[in-house]
PDB file of all heavy atoms in Angstrom:
ATOM      1  N   ALA A   1     -21.485 -12.332  23.332  1.00  0.00           N
ATOM      2  CA  ALA A   1     -20.693 -11.558  22.379  1.00  0.00           C
ATOM      3  C   ALA A   1     -19.272 -11.350  22.893  1.00  0.00           C
ATOM      4  O   ALA A   1     -18.308 -11.442  22.122  1.00  0.00           O
ATOM      5  CB  ALA A   1     -21.361 -10.213  22.115  1.00  0.00           C
ATOM      6  N   GLU A   2     -19.130 -11.092  24.175  1.00  0.00           N
ATOM      7  CA  GLU A   2     -17.796 -10.898  24.745  1.00  0.00           C
ATOM      8  C   GLU A   2     -16.973 -12.179  24.637  1.00  0.00           C
ATOM      9  O   GLU A   2     -15.781 -12.139  24.315  1.00  0.00           O
ATOM     10  CB  GLU A   2     -17.905 -10.447  26.195  1.00  0.00           C
ATOM     11  CG  GLU A   2     -18.398  -9.011  26.347  1.00  0.00           C
ATOM     12  CD  GLU A   2     -18.691  -8.666  27.798  1.00  0.00           C
ATOM     13  OE1 GLU A   2     -18.321  -9.463  28.684  1.00  0.00           O
ATOM     14  OE2 GLU A   2     -19.269  -7.591  28.030  1.00  0.00           O
ATOM     15  N   GLU A   3     -17.594 -13.315  24.884  1.00  0.00           N
ATOM     16  CA  GLU A   3     -16.880 -14.586  24.752  1.00  0.00           C
ATOM     17  C   GLU A   3     -16.480 -14.826  23.304  1.00  0.00           C
ATOM     18  O   GLU A   3     -15.365 -15.271  23.016  1.00  0.00           O
ATOM     19  CB  GLU A   3     -17.752 -15.743  25.258  1.00  0.00           C
ATOM     20  CG  GLU A   3     -17.956 -15.726  26.761  1.00  0.00           C
ATOM     21  CD  GLU A   3     -18.853 -16.870  27.217  1.00  0.00           C
ATOM     22  OE1 GLU A   3     -18.964 -17.880  26.488  1.00  0.00           O
ATOM     23  OE2 GLU A   3     -19.455 -16.742  28.300  1.00  0.00           O
ATOM     24  N   TRP A   4     -17.379 -14.530  22.381  1.00  0.00           N
ATOM     25  CA  TRP A   4     -17.070 -14.662  20.963  1.00  0.00           C
ATOM     26  C   TRP A   4     -15.928 -13.726  20.577  1.00  0.00           C
ATOM     27  O   TRP A   4     -15.035 -14.109  19.795  1.00  0.00           O
ATOM     28  CB  TRP A   4     -18.319 -14.356  20.133  1.00  0.00           C
ATOM     29  CG  TRP A   4     -18.012 -14.108  18.700  1.00  0.00           C
ATOM     30  CD1 TRP A   4     -17.698 -15.039  17.746  1.00  0.00           C
ATOM     31  CD2 TRP A   4     -17.958 -12.836  18.047  1.00  0.00           C
ATOM     32  NE1 TRP A   4     -17.455 -14.426  16.543  1.00  0.00           N
ATOM     33  CE2 TRP A   4     -17.615 -13.080  16.705  1.00  0.00           C
ATOM     34  CE3 TRP A   4     -18.185 -11.527  18.481  1.00  0.00           C
ATOM     35  CZ2 TRP A   4     -17.482 -12.042  15.787  1.00  0.00           C
ATOM     36  CZ3 TRP A   4     -18.053 -10.501  17.565  1.00  0.00           C
ATOM     37  CH2 TRP A   4     -17.708 -10.763  16.237  1.00  0.00           C
ATOM     38  N   GLY A   5     -15.923 -12.544  21.137  1.00  0.00           N
ATOM     39  CA  GLY A   5     -14.879 -11.568  20.825  1.00  0.00           C
ATOM     40  C   GLY A   5     -13.496 -12.011  21.253  1.00  0.00           C
ATOM     41  O   GLY A   5     -12.491 -11.485  20.761  1.00  0.00           O
ATOM     42  N   ARG A   6     -13.434 -12.971  22.156  1.00  0.00           N
ATOM     43  CA  ARG A   6     -12.138 -13.515  22.603  1.00  0.00           C
ATOM     44  C   ARG A   6     -11.792 -14.814  21.882  1.00  0.00           C
ATOM     45  O   ARG A   6     -10.884 -15.538  22.299  1.00  0.00           O
ATOM     46  CB  ARG A   6     -12.172 -13.756  24.113  1.00  0.00           C
ATOM     47  CG  ARG A   6     -12.349 -12.489  24.944  1.00  0.00           C
ATOM     48  CD  ARG A   6     -12.082 -12.741  26.411  1.00  0.00           C
ATOM     49  NE  ARG A   6     -13.025 -13.694  26.998  1.00  0.00           N
ATOM     50  CZ  ARG A   6     -14.195 -13.361  27.556  1.00  0.00           C
ATOM     51  NH1 ARG A   6     -14.573 -12.087  27.577  1.00  0.00           N
ATOM     52  NH2 ARG A   6     -14.981 -14.285  28.074  1.00  0.00           N
ATOM     53  N   HIS A   7     -12.477 -15.105  20.794  1.00  0.00           N
ATOM     54  CA  HIS A   7     -12.292 -16.341  20.034  1.00  0.00           C
ATOM     55  C   HIS A   7     -10.819 -16.509  19.641  1.00  0.00           C
ATOM     56  O   HIS A   7     -10.262 -15.697  18.915  1.00  0.00           O
ATOM     57  CB  HIS A   7     -13.165 -16.275  18.778  1.00  0.00           C
ATOM     58  CG  HIS A   7     -13.273 -17.568  18.036  1.00  0.00           C
ATOM     59  ND1 HIS A   7     -14.140 -17.751  16.981  1.00  0.00           N
ATOM     60  CD2 HIS A   7     -12.631 -18.751  18.172  1.00  0.00           C
ATOM     61  CE1 HIS A   7     -14.041 -18.977  16.515  1.00  0.00           C
ATOM     62  NE2 HIS A   7     -13.124 -19.605  17.213  1.00  0.00           N
ATOM     63  N   PRO A   8     -10.168 -17.569  20.102  1.00  0.00           N
ATOM     64  CA  PRO A   8      -8.748 -17.756  19.764  1.00  0.00           C
ATOM     65  C   PRO A   8      -8.553 -18.214  18.327  1.00  0.00           C
ATOM     66  O   PRO A   8      -9.399 -18.902  17.760  1.00  0.00           O
ATOM     67  CB  PRO A   8      -8.310 -18.848  20.749  1.00  0.00           C
ATOM     68  CG  PRO A   8      -9.562 -19.628  21.016  1.00  0.00           C
ATOM     69  CD  PRO A   8     -10.683 -18.627  20.975  1.00  0.00           C
ATOM     70  N   SER A   9      -7.437 -17.826  17.763  1.00  0.00           N
ATOM     71  CA  SER A   9      -7.082 -18.268  16.418  1.00  0.00           C
ATOM     72  C   SER A   9      -5.817 -19.115  16.497  1.00  0.00           C
ATOM     73  O   SER A   9      -5.063 -19.050  17.465  1.00  0.00           O
ATOM     74  CB  SER A   9      -6.853 -17.071  15.494  1.00  0.00           C
ATOM     75  OG  SER A   9      -5.737 -16.307  15.936  1.00  0.00           O
ATOM     76  N   VAL A  10      -5.594 -19.893  15.447  1.00  0.00           N
ATOM     77  CA  VAL A  10      -4.424 -20.768  15.381  1.00  0.00           C
ATOM     78  C   VAL A  10      -3.655 -20.454  14.098  1.00  0.00           C
ATOM     79  O   VAL A  10      -4.212 -20.576  12.999  1.00  0.00           O
ATOM     80  CB  VAL A  10      -4.834 -22.256  15.387  1.00  0.00           C
ATOM     81  CG1 VAL A  10      -3.606 -23.145  15.272  1.00  0.00           C
ATOM     82  CG2 VAL A  10      -5.636 -22.584  16.633  1.00  0.00           C
ATOM     83  N   PRO A  11      -2.395 -20.042  14.204  1.00  0.00           N
ATOM     84  CA  PRO A  11      -1.608 -19.818  12.990  1.00  0.00           C
ATOM     85  C   PRO A  11      -1.429 -21.123  12.218  1.00  0.00           C
ATOM     86  O   PRO A  11      -1.310 -22.200  12.812  1.00  0.00           O
ATOM     87  CB  PRO A  11      -0.259 -19.311  13.532  1.00  0.00           C
ATOM     88  CG  PRO A  11      -0.549 -18.825  14.912  1.00  0.00           C
ATOM     89  CD  PRO A  11      -1.647 -19.708  15.430  1.00  0.00           C
ATOM     90  N   ASP A  12      -1.403 -21.020  10.900  1.00  0.00           N
ATOM     91  CA  ASP A  12      -1.159 -22.177  10.049  1.00  0.00           C
ATOM     92  C   ASP A  12       0.352 -22.322   9.873  1.00  0.00           C
ATOM     93  O   ASP A  12       0.975 -21.554   9.136  1.00  0.00           O
ATOM     94  CB  ASP A  12      -1.853 -21.989   8.701  1.00  0.00           C
ATOM     95  CG  ASP A  12      -1.772 -23.229   7.819  1.00  0.00           C
ATOM     96  OD1 ASP A  12      -0.660 -23.788   7.690  1.00  0.00           O
ATOM     97  OD2 ASP A  12      -2.805 -23.634   7.264  1.00  0.00           O
ATOM     98  N   ALA A  13       0.937 -23.307  10.541  1.00  0.00           N
ATOM     99  CA  ALA A  13       2.395 -23.461  10.547  1.00  0.00           C
ATOM    100  C   ALA A  13       2.949 -23.687   9.150  1.00  0.00           C
ATOM    101  O   ALA A  13       4.019 -23.163   8.796  1.00  0.00           O
ATOM    102  CB  ALA A  13       2.787 -24.617  11.468  1.00  0.00           C
ATOM    103  N   GLY A  14       2.242 -24.467   8.340  1.00  0.00           N
ATOM    104  CA  GLY A  14       2.708 -24.727   6.981  1.00  0.00           C
ATOM    105  C   GLY A  14       2.749 -23.472   6.139  1.00  0.00           C
ATOM    106  O   GLY A  14       3.698 -23.250   5.365  1.00  0.00           O
ATOM    107  N   MET A  15       1.734 -22.624   6.299  1.00  0.00           N
ATOM    108  CA  MET A  15       1.692 -21.393   5.528  1.00  0.00           C
ATOM    109  C   MET A  15       2.754 -20.397   5.998  1.00  0.00           C
ATOM    110  O   MET A  15       3.343 -19.671   5.189  1.00  0.00           O
ATOM    111  CB  MET A  15       0.293 -20.772   5.613  1.00  0.00           C
ATOM    112  CG  MET A  15      -0.746 -21.512   4.789  1.00  0.00           C
ATOM    113  SD  MET A  15      -0.331 -21.517   3.030  1.00  0.00           S
ATOM    114  CE  MET A  15      -0.376 -19.747   2.696  1.00  0.00           C
ATOM    115  N   LEU A  16       3.005 -20.368   7.288  1.00  0.00           N
ATOM    116  CA  LEU A  16       4.058 -19.483   7.787  1.00  0.00           C
ATOM    117  C   LEU A  16       5.418 -19.958   7.279  1.00  0.00           C
ATOM    118  O   LEU A  16       6.286 -19.141   6.944  1.00  0.00           O
ATOM    119  CB  LEU A  16       4.036 -19.425   9.311  1.00  0.00           C
ATOM    120  CG  LEU A  16       2.772 -18.826   9.936  1.00  0.00           C
ATOM    121  CD1 LEU A  16       2.940 -18.714  11.440  1.00  0.00           C
ATOM    122  CD2 LEU A  16       2.425 -17.477   9.331  1.00  0.00           C
ATOM    123  N   ALA A  17       5.593 -21.273   7.210  1.00  0.00           N
ATOM    124  CA  ALA A  17       6.838 -21.815   6.664  1.00  0.00           C
ATOM    125  C   ALA A  17       6.980 -21.443   5.188  1.00  0.00           C
ATOM    126  O   ALA A  17       8.088 -21.141   4.711  1.00  0.00           O
ATOM    127  CB  ALA A  17       6.873 -23.331   6.843  1.00  0.00           C
ATOM    128  N   LEU A  18       5.872 -21.456   4.458  1.00  0.00           N
ATOM    129  CA  LEU A  18       5.906 -21.038   3.057  1.00  0.00           C
ATOM    130  C   LEU A  18       6.317 -19.577   2.951  1.00  0.00           C
ATOM    131  O   LEU A  18       7.129 -19.208   2.088  1.00  0.00           O
ATOM    132  CB  LEU A  18       4.536 -21.260   2.411  1.00  0.00           C
ATOM    133  CG  LEU A  18       4.360 -20.717   0.990  1.00  0.00           C
ATOM    134  CD1 LEU A  18       5.417 -21.284   0.039  1.00  0.00           C
ATOM    135  CD2 LEU A  18       2.950 -21.005   0.478  1.00  0.00           C
ATOM    136  N   GLY A  19       5.769 -18.736   3.823  1.00  0.00           N
ATOM    137  CA  GLY A  19       6.164 -17.334   3.828  1.00  0.00           C
ATOM    138  C   GLY A  19       7.647 -17.171   4.076  1.00  0.00           C
ATOM    139  O   GLY A  19       8.326 -16.362   3.422  1.00  0.00           O
ATOM    140  N   ASP A  20       8.176 -17.948   5.010  1.00  0.00           N
ATOM    141  CA  ASP A  20       9.610 -17.887   5.300  1.00  0.00           C
ATOM    142  C   ASP A  20      10.427 -18.347   4.094  1.00  0.00           C
ATOM    143  O   ASP A  20      11.491 -17.778   3.788  1.00  0.00           O
ATOM    144  CB  ASP A  20       9.940 -18.767   6.507  1.00  0.00           C
ATOM    145  CG  ASP A  20       9.360 -18.223   7.813  1.00  0.00           C
ATOM    146  OD1 ASP A  20       9.022 -17.026   7.850  1.00  0.00           O
ATOM    147  OD2 ASP A  20       9.251 -19.001   8.768  1.00  0.00           O
ATOM    148  N   GLU A  21       9.933 -19.372   3.412  1.00  0.00           N
ATOM    149  CA  GLU A  21      10.634 -19.870   2.228  1.00  0.00           C
ATOM    150  C   GLU A  21      10.669 -18.803   1.131  1.00  0.00           C
ATOM    151  O   GLU A  21      11.710 -18.596   0.478  1.00  0.00           O
ATOM    152  CB  GLU A  21       9.957 -21.140   1.717  1.00  0.00           C
ATOM    153  CG  GLU A  21      10.659 -21.790   0.539  1.00  0.00           C
ATOM    154  CD  GLU A  21       9.996 -23.073   0.068  1.00  0.00           C
ATOM    155  OE1 GLU A  21       9.069 -23.578   0.749  1.00  0.00           O
ATOM    156  OE2 GLU A  21      10.406 -23.566  -1.004  1.00  0.00           O
ATOM    157  N   LEU A  22       9.555 -18.133   0.939  1.00  0.00           N
ATOM    158  CA  LEU A  22       9.517 -17.063  -0.056  1.00  0.00           C
ATOM    159  C   LEU A  22      10.531 -15.972   0.277  1.00  0.00           C
ATOM    160  O   LEU A  22      11.279 -15.510  -0.599  1.00  0.00           O
ATOM    161  CB  LEU A  22       8.107 -16.469  -0.132  1.00  0.00           C
ATOM    162  CG  LEU A  22       7.036 -17.344  -0.788  1.00  0.00           C
ATOM    163  CD1 LEU A  22       5.645 -16.785  -0.498  1.00  0.00           C
ATOM    164  CD2 LEU A  22       7.265 -17.454  -2.291  1.00  0.00           C
ATOM    165  N   ARG A  23      10.556 -15.577   1.531  1.00  0.00           N
ATOM    166  CA  ARG A  23      11.472 -14.511   1.939  1.00  0.00           C
ATOM    167  C   ARG A  23      12.930 -14.943   1.755  1.00  0.00           C
ATOM    168  O   ARG A  23      13.785 -14.132   1.384  1.00  0.00           O
ATOM    169  CB  ARG A  23      11.201 -14.116   3.383  1.00  0.00           C
ATOM    170  CG  ARG A  23       9.817 -13.494   3.582  1.00  0.00           C
ATOM    171  CD  ARG A  23       9.484 -13.342   5.044  1.00  0.00           C
ATOM    172  NE  ARG A  23      10.069 -12.142   5.615  1.00  0.00           N
ATOM    173  CZ  ARG A  23      10.091 -11.887   6.921  1.00  0.00           C
ATOM    174  NH1 ARG A  23       9.598 -12.771   7.779  1.00  0.00           N
ATOM    175  NH2 ARG A  23      10.638 -10.786   7.364  1.00  0.00           N
ATOM    176  N   SER A  24      13.210 -16.217   2.005  1.00  0.00           N
ATOM    177  CA  SER A  24      14.579 -16.715   1.832  1.00  0.00           C
ATOM    178  C   SER A  24      15.006 -16.665   0.372  1.00  0.00           C
ATOM    179  O   SER A  24      16.207 -16.677   0.062  1.00  0.00           O
ATOM    180  CB  SER A  24      14.702 -18.144   2.371  1.00  0.00           C
ATOM    181  OG  SER A  24      14.091 -19.080   1.494  1.00  0.00           O
ATOM    182  N   ARG A  25      14.029 -16.632  -0.530  1.00  0.00           N
ATOM    183  CA  ARG A  25      14.306 -16.565  -1.964  1.00  0.00           C
ATOM    184  C   ARG A  25      14.232 -15.134  -2.497  1.00  0.00           C
ATOM    185  O   ARG A  25      14.227 -14.907  -3.705  1.00  0.00           O
ATOM    186  CB  ARG A  25      13.344 -17.475  -2.729  1.00  0.00           C
ATOM    187  CG  ARG A  25      13.498 -18.955  -2.351  1.00  0.00           C
ATOM    188  CD  ARG A  25      12.541 -19.826  -3.133  1.00  0.00           C
ATOM    189  NE  ARG A  25      12.624 -21.221  -2.725  1.00  0.00           N
ATOM    190  CZ  ARG A  25      13.539 -22.097  -3.132  1.00  0.00           C
ATOM    191  NH1 ARG A  25      14.479 -21.694  -3.966  1.00  0.00           N
ATOM    192  NH2 ARG A  25      13.530 -23.342  -2.713  1.00  0.00           N
ATOM    193  N   GLY A  26      14.148 -14.178  -1.593  1.00  0.00           N
ATOM    194  CA  GLY A  26      14.145 -12.778  -1.991  1.00  0.00           C
ATOM    195  C   GLY A  26      12.793 -12.229  -2.385  1.00  0.00           C
ATOM    196  O   GLY A  26      12.699 -11.119  -2.914  1.00  0.00           O
ATOM    197  N   ILE A  27      11.733 -12.996  -2.133  1.00  0.00           N
ATOM    198  CA  ILE A  27      10.370 -12.537  -2.425  1.00  0.00           C
ATOM    199  C   ILE A  27       9.805 -11.863  -1.185  1.00  0.00           C
ATOM    200  O   ILE A  27       9.810 -12.439  -0.095  1.00  0.00           O
ATOM    201  CB  ILE A  27       9.459 -13.718  -2.831  1.00  0.00           C
ATOM    202  CG1 ILE A  27      10.069 -14.519  -3.988  1.00  0.00           C
ATOM    203  CG2 ILE A  27       8.058 -13.216  -3.176  1.00  0.00           C
ATOM    204  CD1 ILE A  27      10.216 -13.765  -5.262  1.00  0.00           C
ATOM    205  N   ARG A  28       9.313 -10.644  -1.335  1.00  0.00           N
ATOM    206  CA  ARG A  28       8.706  -9.944  -0.198  1.00  0.00           C
ATOM    207  C   ARG A  28       7.324 -10.536   0.079  1.00  0.00           C
ATOM    208  O   ARG A  28       6.627 -10.985  -0.841  1.00  0.00           O
ATOM    209  CB  ARG A  28       8.604  -8.448  -0.488  1.00  0.00           C
ATOM    210  CG  ARG A  28       9.968  -7.795  -0.619  1.00  0.00           C
ATOM    211  CD  ARG A  28       9.915  -6.520  -1.418  1.00  0.00           C
ATOM    212  NE  ARG A  28       9.227  -5.461  -0.711  1.00  0.00           N
ATOM    213  CZ  ARG A  28       8.936  -4.278  -1.260  1.00  0.00           C
ATOM    214  NH1 ARG A  28       9.257  -4.028  -2.522  1.00  0.00           N
ATOM    215  NH2 ARG A  28       8.317  -3.356  -0.551  1.00  0.00           N
TER     216      ARG A  28
END
């Protein structure tokens, strides 16, 4: 359980870029 609790995650670069694009267009 402790090992599972340290399960690493990976950010989705494409989705983060989409978020940045939205913000650049004035969308929160």
